[in-house]
């Protein structure tokens, strides 16, 4: 089955296709638009794992002036939640009260998200249509999005943001500079220490076995010969 081409239909307009034909990359990219649009692409296991592992992302909306607006969002790991194969959601933490993103979604629901996992050098571009749901209109939804595993976010949350996924595209890792936060390094250290402890136990067990063999060998050599 061919890969879904919805992303290509969304992103590759006539000008992009014309440039690809000049550059020689049309076969790899723009040619996907020769097939009918497959429609929105559901999230698979790889995309869900990427999303759940993140504690930050960038979201772009369209201002009424026509200019793109990019906002950085962060929170506890997993605060951007996978609601189902086609839907994401997050609790909108109170910010500087400019309300640009929320206002933009009132007149144009198109969004683009840039997700980056720096330690693993993974980058995912995701496109969708988003809507805001005020806390008073659906408190149960906001409560759900504030809960991340066994933890409930203590920050003030004014509304929910729900994103219906349209398409996504994985980027190459070439230009990503890996970065490691304290939590990631602590996790690596714990794994290393556990493996080192397991290796130490293996070596001690092996030393004990060799000592037993030496003791048995020494005892055998010291036994007097049985008279004939």
Foldseek 3Di string as FASTA:
>chain_A
DDDQQQVLVVPDDPVNLVVCVVVVNCVVGVVSVVDPHPWADFADPVVQVLQQQDFKKKKWFAFPVRDIDIDIGGDPRRLFDDPDRFKTKHFAFDDPPPCRVQVRLVVFQKMWMWGADQQVLWIKIWIWGKHKAFCVRPVPVNQVSQDDPPDGPPGDTGIMMMTGTIDMDIDDSVPRHHDDDPVRVVVVVVVVVVVVVVVVVVVVVVVVVVVVVVVVVVVVVPDDDDDD
